[in-house]
Amino acid sequence: MPDFQTNFDQLKKSNVIPDIEESFLPTPVRDAIANLSDDEIAVLTNISQRTGSHIYLNKDHSVICGF
């Protein structure tokens, strides 16, 4: 069963969300991260590694995907 902390740590370690601090995440984003499957984590990691893209928060704490 996926959970937020495990998924967050995997995304952070794989550089998908390099600059995101856990405490700044809005509840809907935390929920989305918590519900990611292993396959979805793998896709995000693969995209990040192949393209150099990552996910970050803008100054309003909105989630932005940088490609």
N, C-alpha and C. Protein backbone atom coordinates (compact mmCIF):
# COMPACT_ATOMS: atom_id res chain seq x y z
N MET A 1 0.85 -1.17 0.00
CA MET A 1 0.00 0.00 0.00
C MET A 1 0.90 1.24 0.00
N PRO A 2 0.68 2.13 -0.95
CA PRO A 2 1.51 3.34 -0.99
C PRO A 2 1.22 4.25 0.20
N ASP A 3 2.21 5.03 0.55
CA ASP A 3 2.00 6.02 1.60
C ASP A 3 2.81 7.27 1.25
N PHE A 4 2.44 8.38 1.84
CA PHE A 4 3.07 9.66 1.50
C PHE A 4 4.57 9.63 1.74
N GLN A 5 5.01 9.27 2.92
CA GLN A 5 6.42 9.40 3.26
C GLN A 5 7.31 8.56 2.37
N THR A 6 6.92 7.32 2.13
CA THR A 6 7.71 6.45 1.26
C THR A 6 7.79 7.03 -0.14
N ASN A 7 6.65 7.43 -0.69
CA ASN A 7 6.63 7.98 -2.04
C ASN A 7 7.39 9.30 -2.12
N PHE A 8 7.19 10.16 -1.13
CA PHE A 8 7.90 11.44 -1.11
C PHE A 8 9.41 11.20 -1.09
N ASP A 9 9.86 10.31 -0.25
CA ASP A 9 11.30 10.01 -0.15
C ASP A 9 11.84 9.47 -1.47
N GLN A 10 11.08 8.60 -2.14
CA GLN A 10 11.51 8.06 -3.43
C GLN A 10 11.62 9.16 -4.47
N LEU A 11 10.62 10.03 -4.53
CA LEU A 11 10.64 11.12 -5.51
C LEU A 11 11.77 12.09 -5.22
N LYS A 12 12.02 12.38 -3.97
CA LYS A 12 13.11 13.29 -3.58
C LYS A 12 14.46 12.68 -3.94
N LYS A 13 14.65 11.41 -3.59
CA LYS A 13 15.92 10.72 -3.84
C LYS A 13 16.21 10.61 -5.33
N SER A 14 15.18 10.43 -6.14
CA SER A 14 15.38 10.26 -7.58
C SER A 14 15.40 11.60 -8.33
N ASN A 15 15.36 12.71 -7.60
CA ASN A 15 15.46 14.06 -8.15
C ASN A 15 14.24 14.49 -8.95
N VAL A 16 13.11 13.84 -8.75
CA VAL A 16 11.87 14.26 -9.41
C VAL A 16 11.37 15.55 -8.76
N ILE A 17 11.54 15.65 -7.45
CA ILE A 17 11.11 16.85 -6.70
C ILE A 17 12.27 17.37 -5.86
N PRO A 18 13.34 17.81 -6.52
CA PRO A 18 14.56 18.15 -5.78
C PRO A 18 14.43 19.32 -4.83
N ASP A 19 13.62 20.30 -5.16
CA ASP A 19 13.57 21.53 -4.37
C ASP A 19 12.33 21.67 -3.51
N ILE A 20 11.55 20.64 -3.41
CA ILE A 20 10.29 20.73 -2.66
C ILE A 20 10.50 20.29 -1.23
N GLU A 21 10.10 21.14 -0.31
CA GLU A 21 10.14 20.80 1.11
C GLU A 21 8.78 20.23 1.50
N GLU A 22 8.82 19.16 2.22
CA GLU A 22 7.61 18.45 2.62
C GLU A 22 6.59 19.37 3.30
N SER A 23 7.05 20.25 4.14
CA SER A 23 6.15 21.10 4.92
C SER A 23 5.40 22.12 4.06
N PHE A 24 5.86 22.39 2.85
CA PHE A 24 5.21 23.38 1.99
C PHE A 24 4.12 22.78 1.10
N LEU A 25 3.97 21.48 1.10
CA LEU A 25 3.02 20.84 0.20
C LEU A 25 1.58 21.03 0.65
N PRO A 26 0.72 21.51 -0.24
CA PRO A 26 -0.69 21.60 0.10
C PRO A 26 -1.30 20.20 0.22
N THR A 27 -2.37 20.08 0.95
CA THR A 27 -3.00 18.78 1.19
C THR A 27 -3.32 18.00 -0.08
N PRO A 28 -3.89 18.62 -1.12
CA PRO A 28 -4.16 17.83 -2.33
C PRO A 28 -2.91 17.23 -2.97
N VAL A 29 -1.79 17.95 -2.88
CA VAL A 29 -0.54 17.42 -3.44
C VAL A 29 -0.03 16.28 -2.57
N ARG A 30 -0.11 16.43 -1.27
CA ARG A 30 0.29 15.35 -0.36
C ARG A 30 -0.53 14.10 -0.64
N ASP A 31 -1.84 14.29 -0.84
CA ASP A 31 -2.72 13.15 -1.12
C ASP A 31 -2.35 12.49 -2.45
N ALA A 32 -2.05 13.32 -3.45
CA ALA A 32 -1.66 12.76 -4.75
C ALA A 32 -0.38 11.95 -4.64
N ILE A 33 0.60 12.47 -3.94
CA ILE A 33 1.86 11.75 -3.74
C ILE A 33 1.61 10.45 -2.97
N ALA A 34 0.78 10.52 -1.95
CA ALA A 34 0.49 9.33 -1.14
C ALA A 34 -0.15 8.22 -1.95
N ASN A 35 -0.90 8.58 -2.98
CA ASN A 35 -1.64 7.59 -3.76
C ASN A 35 -0.93 7.13 -5.03
N LEU A 36 0.31 7.57 -5.25
CA LEU A 36 1.05 7.12 -6.42
C LEU A 36 1.43 5.65 -6.27
N SER A 37 1.25 4.91 -7.34
CA SER A 37 1.66 3.50 -7.34
C SER A 37 3.15 3.41 -7.65
N ASP A 38 3.72 2.24 -7.45
CA ASP A 38 5.13 2.03 -7.78
C ASP A 38 5.37 2.28 -9.26
N ASP A 39 4.43 1.87 -10.11
CA ASP A 39 4.58 2.10 -11.55
C ASP A 39 4.56 3.59 -11.88
N GLU A 40 3.72 4.35 -11.23
CA GLU A 40 3.67 5.80 -11.47
C GLU A 40 4.94 6.49 -10.99
N ILE A 41 5.46 6.05 -9.87
CA ILE A 41 6.74 6.58 -9.37
C ILE A 41 7.84 6.28 -10.40
N ALA A 42 7.82 5.06 -10.92
CA ALA A 42 8.83 4.67 -11.91
C ALA A 42 8.74 5.53 -13.17
N VAL A 43 7.54 5.84 -13.62
CA VAL A 43 7.37 6.69 -14.81
C VAL A 43 7.92 8.09 -14.54
N LEU A 44 7.57 8.67 -13.39
CA LEU A 44 8.07 10.00 -13.05
C LEU A 44 9.59 10.02 -12.94
N THR A 45 10.15 8.99 -12.34
CA THR A 45 11.60 8.87 -12.21
C THR A 45 12.25 8.75 -13.58
N ASN A 46 11.68 7.93 -14.45
CA ASN A 46 12.21 7.73 -15.79
C ASN A 46 12.19 9.04 -16.58
N ILE A 47 11.09 9.77 -16.51
CA ILE A 47 10.99 11.06 -17.20
C ILE A 47 12.06 12.01 -16.68
N SER A 48 12.21 12.07 -15.38
CA SER A 48 13.20 12.96 -14.78
C SER A 48 14.61 12.61 -15.23
N GLN A 49 14.94 11.34 -15.23
CA GLN A 49 16.29 10.91 -15.59
C GLN A 49 16.59 11.11 -17.07
N ARG A 50 15.60 10.88 -17.90
CA ARG A 50 15.83 10.99 -19.35
C ARG A 50 15.77 12.41 -19.87
N THR A 51 14.99 13.26 -19.24
CA THR A 51 14.80 14.60 -19.77
C THR A 51 15.40 15.70 -18.89
N GLY A 52 15.74 15.37 -17.67
CA GLY A 52 16.23 16.38 -16.75
C GLY A 52 15.12 17.23 -16.16
N SER A 53 13.89 16.82 -16.38
CA SER A 53 12.76 17.60 -15.85
C SER A 53 12.54 17.26 -14.38
N HIS A 54 11.86 18.16 -13.72
CA HIS A 54 11.52 17.93 -12.32
C HIS A 54 10.26 18.70 -11.98
N ILE A 55 9.70 18.44 -10.82
CA ILE A 55 8.49 19.08 -10.35
C ILE A 55 8.86 20.02 -9.22
N TYR A 56 8.33 21.21 -9.25
CA TYR A 56 8.63 22.17 -8.19
C TYR A 56 7.38 22.98 -7.87
N LEU A 57 7.45 23.76 -6.80
CA LEU A 57 6.35 24.65 -6.40
C LEU A 57 6.73 26.08 -6.73
N ASN A 58 5.77 26.84 -7.26
CA ASN A 58 6.04 28.26 -7.50
C ASN A 58 5.83 29.04 -6.21
N LYS A 59 5.95 30.35 -6.26
CA LYS A 59 5.87 31.16 -5.05
C LYS A 59 4.52 31.08 -4.36
N ASP A 60 3.48 30.68 -5.11
CA ASP A 60 2.15 30.52 -4.53
C ASP A 60 1.89 29.08 -4.11
N HIS A 61 2.94 28.29 -4.11
CA HIS A 61 2.88 26.87 -3.75
C HIS A 61 2.01 26.06 -4.70
N SER A 62 1.92 26.50 -5.96
CA SER A 62 1.26 25.73 -6.99
C SER A 62 2.28 24.78 -7.59
N VAL A 63 1.86 23.59 -7.93
CA VAL A 63 2.77 22.59 -8.48
C VAL A 63 3.01 22.88 -9.95
N ILE A 64 4.27 22.92 -10.34
CA ILE A 64 4.67 23.18 -11.71
C ILE A 64 5.61 22.06 -12.14
N CYS A 65 5.46 21.62 -13.36
CA CYS A 65 6.38 20.61 -13.89
C CYS A 65 7.35 21.32 -14.83
N GLY A 66 8.62 21.27 -14.53
CA GLY A 66 9.62 21.92 -15.37
C GLY A 66 10.22 20.95 -16.35
N PHE A 67 10.06 21.24 -17.62
CA PHE A 67 10.67 20.40 -18.66
C PHE A 67 11.78 21.16 -19.35
